[in-house]
Amino acid sequence: MQNAGNRIRQLQNQLKPDTMTTQYTLFDIPTNSTPPRSWSPNVWNARGVLNYKKVTYETEWVEYPDIRVRLAELGIPSKGGLMPYTLPMMRVTITPTDGSEPQIKYLTDSADIAKYLNDNHPEPPIDFDSPITGEAVKVFNENLMDAFVGLVLCDVDLSLPERSAAYFHETRPKWMMMPIKEFKQKKLNEGAWEKMEKGMKVLADFIGKNGGPFVQGEKVSYGDIRLLGYLMWAREAGPRDVWEKIEGWGGEVLQRFMKAFEENGALSRITY
């Protein structure tokens, strides 16, 4: 009976917010800068939410060739395919203040991470319910993804540490079906620059359609976070001339979009 009573009290204590602490660790891929900078669009889908909601978290930097080893040793199952282990991943450690064993969970999909954070940290709100997120991704994919693959992705290795760059050159040609340099030239021959210019104007019209700075006006949606991720990919890992062109073609709408995210804290943590 005494053990049962202790268990009941323990369960009751778990219902009180001040009886536990929660720690978040975001697993991210570093650049070759000192300190490293966050650049991956998928990771930014999670990091942007963490920053916007001003959630305290730590970053564990994991180079490309170490992702499989690090996640496997934590018991994360393989996703199969050409990229069985990917980032982002977020570790959630919930530690009861009564000295009980901490509860640890791993979230391995950027959308799952973002929704978990939105559920557990509702302020400031992010709109996950509007179809605008699907629309935003569709606009980007149909108008800009091909250009970004040719002009940003193909040169990501220039921003990576040596081991990660070597891994990039070993693995990416497997899905490109040709060496990276040949793949980039193919995209250039197919009009990557022209597609980028046209696509950025379409994106600017989409973002500014309700007066900006975000797609729905003043309200931030997960669609805005997704678009931010693509743009941070180009800004942090793409060639400088590509980002300068993107800024120019995006015009005042893009400037307001990026400035608004900077002012609300979504860009406050890039290096740690």
Protein backbone atom coordinates (compact mmCIF):
# COMPACT_ATOMS: atom_id res chain seq x y z
CA MET A 1 0.00 0.00 0.00
CA GLN A 2 2.85 2.36 0.79
CA ASN A 3 4.39 1.77 -2.64
CA ALA A 4 1.02 2.40 -4.28
CA GLY A 5 0.67 5.67 -2.38
CA ASN A 6 4.12 6.79 -3.44
CA ARG A 7 3.28 6.01 -7.05
CA ILE A 8 0.06 8.03 -6.88
CA ARG A 9 1.90 11.01 -5.42
CA GLN A 10 4.55 10.70 -8.14
CA LEU A 11 1.89 10.72 -10.86
CA GLN A 12 0.20 13.71 -9.27
CA ASN A 13 3.50 15.58 -9.18
CA GLN A 14 4.06 14.88 -12.87
CA LEU A 15 0.96 16.90 -13.65
CA LYS A 16 2.55 20.03 -12.18
CA PRO A 17 4.78 21.99 -14.63
CA ASP A 18 7.29 22.89 -11.89
CA THR A 19 8.03 19.24 -11.11
CA MET A 20 9.99 18.62 -14.30
CA THR A 21 12.42 20.31 -16.64
CA THR A 22 12.55 19.90 -20.41
CA GLN A 23 15.73 20.16 -22.45
CA TYR A 24 15.88 20.26 -26.24
CA THR A 25 18.88 19.32 -28.37
CA LEU A 26 18.74 20.00 -32.10
CA PHE A 27 21.03 17.91 -34.30
CA ASP A 28 22.33 20.00 -37.20
CA ILE A 29 24.90 19.82 -40.02
CA PRO A 30 27.79 22.33 -39.66
CA THR A 31 29.41 24.58 -42.21
CA ASN A 32 33.19 24.92 -42.39
CA SER A 33 33.08 28.34 -40.69
CA THR A 34 34.10 29.12 -37.13
CA PRO A 35 31.69 28.91 -35.44
CA PRO A 36 29.58 26.63 -37.66
CA ARG A 37 26.41 28.09 -39.18
CA SER A 38 23.06 26.41 -39.77
CA TRP A 39 22.26 26.09 -43.47
CA SER A 40 20.11 23.01 -44.17
CA PRO A 41 16.56 23.90 -45.30
CA ASN A 42 15.11 20.88 -43.51
CA VAL A 43 16.86 21.78 -40.27
CA TRP A 44 15.68 25.38 -40.59
CA ASN A 45 12.09 24.10 -40.62
CA ALA A 46 12.74 23.16 -36.99
CA ARG A 47 15.32 25.78 -35.98
CA GLY A 48 13.13 28.59 -37.26
CA VAL A 49 10.29 27.47 -34.98
CA LEU A 50 12.61 27.11 -31.98
CA ASN A 51 13.99 30.59 -32.55
CA TYR A 52 10.65 32.23 -33.26
CA LYS A 53 9.16 30.82 -30.06
CA LYS A 54 12.31 31.71 -28.13
CA VAL A 55 12.65 28.17 -26.82
CA THR A 56 15.92 27.36 -25.04
CA TYR A 57 17.84 24.60 -26.82
CA GLU A 58 21.28 23.24 -27.53
CA THR A 59 22.79 22.32 -30.89
CA GLU A 60 24.78 19.16 -31.54
CA TRP A 61 26.71 19.54 -34.78
CA VAL A 62 27.03 16.29 -36.74
CA GLU A 63 29.05 16.07 -39.94
CA TYR A 64 27.53 14.23 -42.91
CA PRO A 65 29.53 10.97 -42.59
CA ASP A 66 28.76 10.80 -38.87
CA ILE A 67 24.97 11.11 -39.12
CA ARG A 68 24.39 7.40 -39.68
CA VAL A 69 26.70 6.41 -36.81
CA ARG A 70 25.35 8.99 -34.36
CA LEU A 71 21.68 8.24 -34.98
CA ALA A 72 22.17 4.47 -35.05
CA GLU A 73 23.95 4.50 -31.69
CA LEU A 74 20.95 6.35 -30.25
CA GLY A 75 18.65 3.63 -31.52
CA ILE A 76 17.06 5.65 -34.32
CA PRO A 77 15.76 3.24 -37.02
CA SER A 78 16.85 3.54 -40.63
CA LYS A 79 14.47 5.21 -43.08
CA GLY A 80 15.84 3.10 -45.94
CA GLY A 81 16.64 4.36 -49.42
CA LEU A 82 19.69 6.33 -50.49
CA MET A 83 19.58 8.49 -47.33
CA PRO A 84 18.57 6.17 -44.48
CA TYR A 85 19.63 8.61 -41.75
CA THR A 86 18.96 12.31 -42.10
CA LEU A 87 18.75 15.47 -40.03
CA PRO A 88 17.15 17.32 -38.38
CA MET A 89 16.55 15.33 -35.27
CA MET A 90 15.56 16.75 -31.92
CA ARG A 91 16.12 15.07 -28.58
CA VAL A 92 13.58 15.93 -25.89
CA THR A 93 14.79 15.19 -22.35
CA ILE A 94 12.16 15.50 -19.62
CA THR A 95 13.71 15.29 -16.16
CA PRO A 96 11.47 15.06 -13.06
CA THR A 97 12.72 17.22 -10.21
CA ASP A 98 12.11 14.38 -7.76
CA GLY A 99 15.20 12.56 -9.00
CA SER A 100 13.36 10.03 -11.16
CA GLU A 101 14.91 8.77 -14.37
CA PRO A 102 14.60 11.27 -17.25
CA GLN A 103 12.29 10.48 -20.14
CA ILE A 104 13.94 10.84 -23.54
CA LYS A 105 12.25 10.95 -26.93
CA TYR A 106 13.63 11.60 -30.39
CA LEU A 107 11.76 13.41 -33.15
CA THR A 108 13.24 12.72 -36.57
CA ASP A 109 11.07 14.71 -38.99
CA SER A 110 11.15 18.48 -39.28
CA ALA A 111 7.36 18.78 -39.49
CA ASP A 112 6.92 16.57 -36.41
CA ILE A 113 9.45 18.71 -34.52
CA ALA A 114 7.71 21.92 -35.52
CA LYS A 115 4.26 20.64 -34.52
CA TYR A 116 5.56 19.29 -31.21
CA LEU A 117 7.06 22.67 -30.39
CA ASN A 118 3.91 24.51 -31.41
CA ASP A 119 1.78 22.24 -29.20
CA ASN A 120 4.07 22.59 -26.19
CA HIS A 121 5.00 26.24 -26.69
CA PRO A 122 1.87 27.85 -28.15
CA GLU A 123 3.14 31.43 -27.88
CA PRO A 124 3.81 33.19 -30.11
CA PRO A 125 1.45 31.25 -32.37
CA ILE A 126 2.30 29.74 -35.72
CA ASP A 127 -0.58 28.82 -38.03
CA PHE A 128 -0.31 25.13 -38.89
CA ASP A 129 -3.96 24.70 -39.94
CA SER A 130 -4.17 26.95 -42.97
CA PRO A 131 -3.72 25.38 -46.43
CA ILE A 132 -1.25 28.21 -47.05
CA THR A 133 1.64 25.92 -46.03
CA GLY A 134 0.87 23.48 -48.82
CA GLU A 135 0.43 26.36 -51.24
CA ALA A 136 3.77 27.89 -50.24
CA VAL A 137 5.65 24.63 -50.76
CA LYS A 138 3.90 24.10 -54.09
CA VAL A 139 4.81 27.60 -55.31
CA PHE A 140 8.45 27.03 -54.39
CA ASN A 141 8.66 23.51 -55.83
CA GLU A 142 7.01 24.41 -59.12
CA ASN A 143 8.88 27.66 -59.69
CA LEU A 144 12.21 27.50 -57.88
CA MET A 145 13.26 24.03 -56.75
CA ASP A 146 14.89 23.08 -60.05
CA ALA A 147 16.89 26.32 -60.11
CA PHE A 148 17.91 25.93 -56.45
CA VAL A 149 19.10 22.37 -57.11
CA GLY A 150 21.33 23.61 -59.91
CA LEU A 151 22.57 26.87 -58.41
CA VAL A 152 22.60 26.16 -54.66
CA LEU A 153 22.73 22.43 -53.99
CA CYS A 154 25.52 21.72 -56.46
CA ASP A 155 27.87 24.11 -54.63
CA VAL A 156 26.94 23.26 -51.02
CA ASP A 157 30.22 21.36 -50.68
CA LEU A 158 32.13 24.67 -50.78
CA SER A 159 30.58 25.55 -47.40
CA LEU A 160 31.12 22.16 -45.76
CA PRO A 161 33.99 20.84 -43.62
CA GLU A 162 36.43 18.61 -45.51
CA ARG A 163 34.96 15.26 -44.42
CA SER A 164 31.40 16.36 -45.10
CA ALA A 165 32.36 17.74 -48.52
CA ALA A 166 33.99 14.42 -49.43
CA TYR A 167 30.86 12.56 -48.31
CA PHE A 168 28.70 14.95 -50.37
CA HIS A 169 30.77 14.19 -53.49
CA GLU A 170 30.54 10.47 -52.81
CA THR A 171 26.79 10.25 -52.26
CA ARG A 172 25.01 12.95 -54.29
CA PRO A 173 25.99 11.68 -57.76
CA LYS A 174 24.10 8.47 -56.94
CA TRP A 175 20.77 10.28 -57.25
CA MET A 176 21.98 12.87 -59.74
CA MET A 177 23.02 9.93 -61.94
CA MET A 178 26.15 11.81 -62.98
CA PRO A 179 29.07 13.76 -61.43
CA ILE A 180 28.01 16.93 -59.64
CA LYS A 181 29.82 19.26 -62.05
CA GLU A 182 28.08 17.65 -65.02
CA PHE A 183 24.73 17.84 -63.23
CA LYS A 184 25.23 21.55 -62.53
CA GLN A 185 26.15 22.24 -66.14
CA LYS A 186 23.05 20.35 -67.24
CA LYS A 187 20.90 22.60 -65.05
CA LEU A 188 22.65 25.70 -66.40
CA ASN A 189 22.01 24.53 -69.95
CA GLU A 190 18.35 24.05 -69.03
CA GLY A 191 18.09 27.70 -67.99
CA ALA A 192 18.67 27.64 -64.22
CA TRP A 193 19.37 31.38 -64.02
CA GLU A 194 16.31 32.28 -66.07
CA LYS A 195 14.16 29.96 -63.94
CA MET A 196 15.57 31.54 -60.78
CA GLU A 197 14.75 35.06 -61.93
CA LYS A 198 11.24 34.18 -63.02
CA GLY A 199 10.61 32.03 -59.97
CA MET A 200 11.71 34.67 -57.49
CA LYS A 201 9.25 37.14 -58.98
CA VAL A 202 6.48 34.55 -58.63
CA LEU A 203 7.52 33.91 -55.02
CA ALA A 204 7.62 37.64 -54.23
CA ASP A 205 4.09 38.04 -55.61
CA PHE A 206 2.95 35.09 -53.48
CA ILE A 207 4.53 36.38 -50.26
CA GLY A 208 3.28 39.91 -50.79
CA LYS A 209 -0.25 39.09 -51.93
CA ASN A 210 -1.77 40.04 -48.55
CA GLY A 211 0.44 43.05 -47.94
CA GLY A 212 3.28 41.18 -46.20
CA PRO A 213 5.58 40.84 -44.51
CA PHE A 214 4.33 37.22 -44.39
CA VAL A 215 2.11 35.29 -46.79
CA GLN A 216 -0.99 35.88 -44.67
CA GLY A 217 -0.04 39.44 -43.79
CA GLU A 218 1.04 39.86 -40.18
CA LYS A 219 0.29 36.26 -39.15
CA VAL A 220 3.14 33.75 -39.27
CA SER A 221 2.33 30.34 -40.74
CA TYR A 222 4.39 27.20 -41.07
CA GLY A 223 4.41 28.01 -44.78
CA ASP A 224 6.50 31.10 -43.99
CA ILE A 225 8.90 28.95 -41.97
CA ARG A 226 9.23 26.54 -44.90
CA LEU A 227 10.01 29.38 -47.30
CA LEU A 228 12.50 30.80 -44.81
CA GLY A 229 14.29 27.44 -44.77
CA TYR A 230 14.79 27.46 -48.53
CA LEU A 231 16.07 31.03 -48.43
CA MET A 232 18.49 30.33 -45.57
CA TRP A 233 19.80 27.39 -47.61
CA ALA A 234 20.75 29.80 -50.38
CA ARG A 235 22.03 32.52 -48.05
CA GLU A 236 24.20 30.32 -45.84
CA ALA A 237 25.39 27.55 -48.18
CA GLY A 238 25.03 28.85 -51.72
CA PRO A 239 27.52 30.92 -53.71
CA ARG A 240 27.48 34.62 -52.83
CA ASP A 241 26.47 35.69 -56.35
CA VAL A 242 23.43 33.42 -56.22
CA TRP A 243 22.16 35.00 -53.00
CA GLU A 244 22.79 38.49 -54.37
CA LYS A 245 20.67 37.64 -57.42
CA ILE A 246 17.93 36.17 -55.20
CA GLU A 247 17.87 39.34 -53.09
CA GLY A 248 17.65 41.52 -56.18
CA TRP A 249 14.92 39.51 -57.85
CA GLY A 250 12.95 39.18 -54.61
CA GLY A 251 12.99 42.96 -54.19
CA GLU A 252 11.33 44.84 -51.36
CA VAL A 253 8.96 41.97 -50.58
CA LEU A 254 11.84 39.61 -49.84
CA GLN A 255 13.65 42.28 -47.83
CA ARG A 256 10.57 42.83 -45.64
CA PHE A 257 10.08 39.08 -45.25
CA MET A 258 13.65 38.47 -44.07
CA LYS A 259 13.71 41.61 -41.91
CA ALA A 260 10.47 40.60 -40.17
CA PHE A 261 11.91 37.20 -39.28
CA GLU A 262 15.08 38.86 -38.05
CA GLU A 263 13.12 41.27 -35.85
CA ASN A 264 10.91 38.55 -34.32
CA GLY A 265 13.94 36.43 -33.41
CA ALA A 266 13.63 33.61 -35.94
CA LEU A 267 17.18 34.27 -37.19
CA SER A 268 18.67 34.90 -33.76
CA ARG A 269 20.42 31.54 -33.49
CA ILE A 270 22.43 30.38 -36.48
CA THR A 271 25.76 29.45 -34.90
CA TYR A 272 24.91 27.69 -31.63
